[in-house]
Each structure stands twice: as C-alpha cells, then as structure tokens.
Amino acid sequence: MNQNPSGNTLCPIFLKLENFRVLLVGSRLVALEKLQALLANAPATAIRVVALDFHEEFLSLAQTAQH
C-alpha cells in the first residue's frame, strides 16, 4: 500500500556533517547549490570535489571558503 500519493520515496535524514568527509561530484549548478548548503549549514565539514571542469561561480565560492 502506497501511503504517499505523490510517489516521493525519499527519506529526509539529519547528520552532523562535521563528523564526516563529504565527496561532491561535479561543479555545475546542482553541485553549486549543494556546496552553498554545506557551507551554510556545516562550514567545518571536510569537502572534496571531483569534477572534469569547474563552473566559475563554484570555483569562486570554493576558493573563498577554504579553511
């Protein structure tokens, strides 16, 4: 029985990301949104980014956030 009429099967979770190392793949708009959220909510998180090329705005944000 599907109790969720929208069909959304995602489950929200809450993690203390400062306790983890995060791998962010890509640097386009979706990755930029994820990076912004990570920096705003868990600025002490260790983030590694893997991408073939880097979107200019992503690169700028990443460079200013280095610690």
C-alpha atoms as a PDB file:
ATOM      1  CA  MET A   1       0.000   0.000   0.000  1.00  0.00           C
ATOM      2  CA  ASN A   2       1.465   3.365  -1.057  1.00  0.00           C
ATOM      3  CA  GLN A   3       0.652   5.852   1.703  1.00  0.00           C
ATOM      4  CA  ASN A   4       2.361   8.706  -0.125  1.00  0.00           C
ATOM      5  CA  PRO A   5       0.178   9.852  -3.036  1.00  0.00           C
ATOM      6  CA  SER A   6       2.984  11.954  -4.561  1.00  0.00           C
ATOM      7  CA  GLY A   7       5.141   8.870  -5.023  1.00  0.00           C
ATOM      8  CA  ASN A   8       8.092  10.531  -3.279  1.00  0.00           C
ATOM      9  CA  THR A   9      10.105   7.756  -1.677  1.00  0.00           C
ATOM     10  CA  LEU A  10      12.860   9.981  -0.292  1.00  0.00           C
ATOM     11  CA  CYS A  11      13.572   9.943   3.419  1.00  0.00           C
ATOM     12  CA  PRO A  12      14.996  13.121   4.997  1.00  0.00           C
ATOM     13  CA  ILE A  13      17.867  12.499   7.384  1.00  0.00           C
ATOM     14  CA  PHE A  14      19.861  14.748   9.644  1.00  0.00           C
ATOM     15  CA  LEU A  15      23.613  14.281  10.008  1.00  0.00           C
ATOM     16  CA  LYS A  16      26.355  16.166  11.806  1.00  0.00           C
ATOM     17  CA  LEU A  17      28.446  16.521   8.682  1.00  0.00           C
ATOM     18  CA  GLU A  18      31.396  17.858  10.632  1.00  0.00           C
ATOM     19  CA  ASN A  19      31.955  14.216  11.650  1.00  0.00           C
ATOM     20  CA  PHE A  20      32.213  13.054   8.018  1.00  0.00           C
ATOM     21  CA  ARG A  21      34.214  13.696   4.893  1.00  0.00           C
ATOM     22  CA  VAL A  22      31.916  14.695   2.033  1.00  0.00           C
ATOM     23  CA  LEU A  23      32.553  13.929  -1.632  1.00  0.00           C
ATOM     24  CA  LEU A  24      30.871  16.359  -4.009  1.00  0.00           C
ATOM     25  CA  VAL A  25      30.910  15.228  -7.645  1.00  0.00           C
ATOM     26  CA  GLY A  26      30.595  17.912 -10.306  1.00  0.00           C
ATOM     27  CA  SER A  27      30.712  21.697 -10.214  1.00  0.00           C
ATOM     28  CA  ARG A  28      27.705  22.843 -12.203  1.00  0.00           C
ATOM     29  CA  LEU A  29      24.530  24.402 -10.826  1.00  0.00           C
ATOM     30  CA  VAL A  30      23.273  21.450  -8.754  1.00  0.00           C
ATOM     31  CA  ALA A  31      26.716  20.961  -7.207  1.00  0.00           C
ATOM     32  CA  LEU A  32      26.902  24.711  -6.549  1.00  0.00           C
ATOM     33  CA  GLU A  33      23.604  24.517  -4.649  1.00  0.00           C
ATOM     34  CA  LYS A  34      24.922  21.574  -2.624  1.00  0.00           C
ATOM     35  CA  LEU A  35      28.171  23.398  -1.849  1.00  0.00           C
ATOM     36  CA  GLN A  36      26.278  26.503  -0.739  1.00  0.00           C
ATOM     37  CA  ALA A  37      24.082  24.389   1.557  1.00  0.00           C
ATOM     38  CA  LEU A  38      27.068  22.546   3.009  1.00  0.00           C
ATOM     39  CA  LEU A  39      28.964  25.757   3.715  1.00  0.00           C
ATOM     40  CA  ALA A  40      25.918  27.442   5.242  1.00  0.00           C
ATOM     41  CA  ASN A  41      24.858  24.517   7.446  1.00  0.00           C
ATOM     42  CA  ALA A  42      28.115  22.752   8.266  1.00  0.00           C
ATOM     43  CA  PRO A  43      31.066  25.035   7.498  1.00  0.00           C
ATOM     44  CA  ALA A  44      33.583  22.822   9.324  1.00  0.00           C
ATOM     45  CA  THR A  45      32.869  19.831   7.075  1.00  0.00           C
ATOM     46  CA  ALA A  46      35.776  18.437   5.062  1.00  0.00           C
ATOM     47  CA  ILE A  47      34.636  18.579   1.423  1.00  0.00           C
ATOM     48  CA  ARG A  48      36.409  17.017  -1.538  1.00  0.00           C
ATOM     49  CA  VAL A  49      35.253  17.995  -5.024  1.00  0.00           C
ATOM     50  CA  VAL A  50      35.773  15.883  -8.132  1.00  0.00           C
ATOM     51  CA  ALA A  51      34.875  17.429 -11.484  1.00  0.00           C
ATOM     52  CA  LEU A  52      36.088  17.440 -15.063  1.00  0.00           C
ATOM     53  CA  ASP A  53      35.928  21.224 -15.144  1.00  0.00           C
ATOM     54  CA  PHE A  54      34.832  23.907 -12.724  1.00  0.00           C
ATOM     55  CA  HIS A  55      31.970  26.361 -13.114  1.00  0.00           C
ATOM     56  CA  GLU A  56      33.310  29.867 -12.445  1.00  0.00           C
ATOM     57  CA  GLU A  57      30.861  30.664  -9.633  1.00  0.00           C
ATOM     58  CA  PHE A  58      31.525  27.282  -7.984  1.00  0.00           C
ATOM     59  CA  LEU A  59      35.277  27.831  -8.112  1.00  0.00           C
ATOM     60  CA  SER A  60      34.948  31.314  -6.658  1.00  0.00           C
ATOM     61  CA  LEU A  61      32.829  30.100  -3.745  1.00  0.00           C
ATOM     62  CA  ALA A  62      35.129  27.151  -3.071  1.00  0.00           C
ATOM     63  CA  GLN A  63      38.215  29.361  -3.038  1.00  0.00           C
ATOM     64  CA  THR A  64      36.714  31.866  -0.589  1.00  0.00           C
ATOM     65  CA  ALA A  65      35.545  29.060   1.723  1.00  0.00           C
ATOM     66  CA  GLN A  66      38.877  27.250   2.032  1.00  0.00           C
ATOM     67  CA  HIS A  67      39.996  26.813   5.623  1.00  0.00           C
END
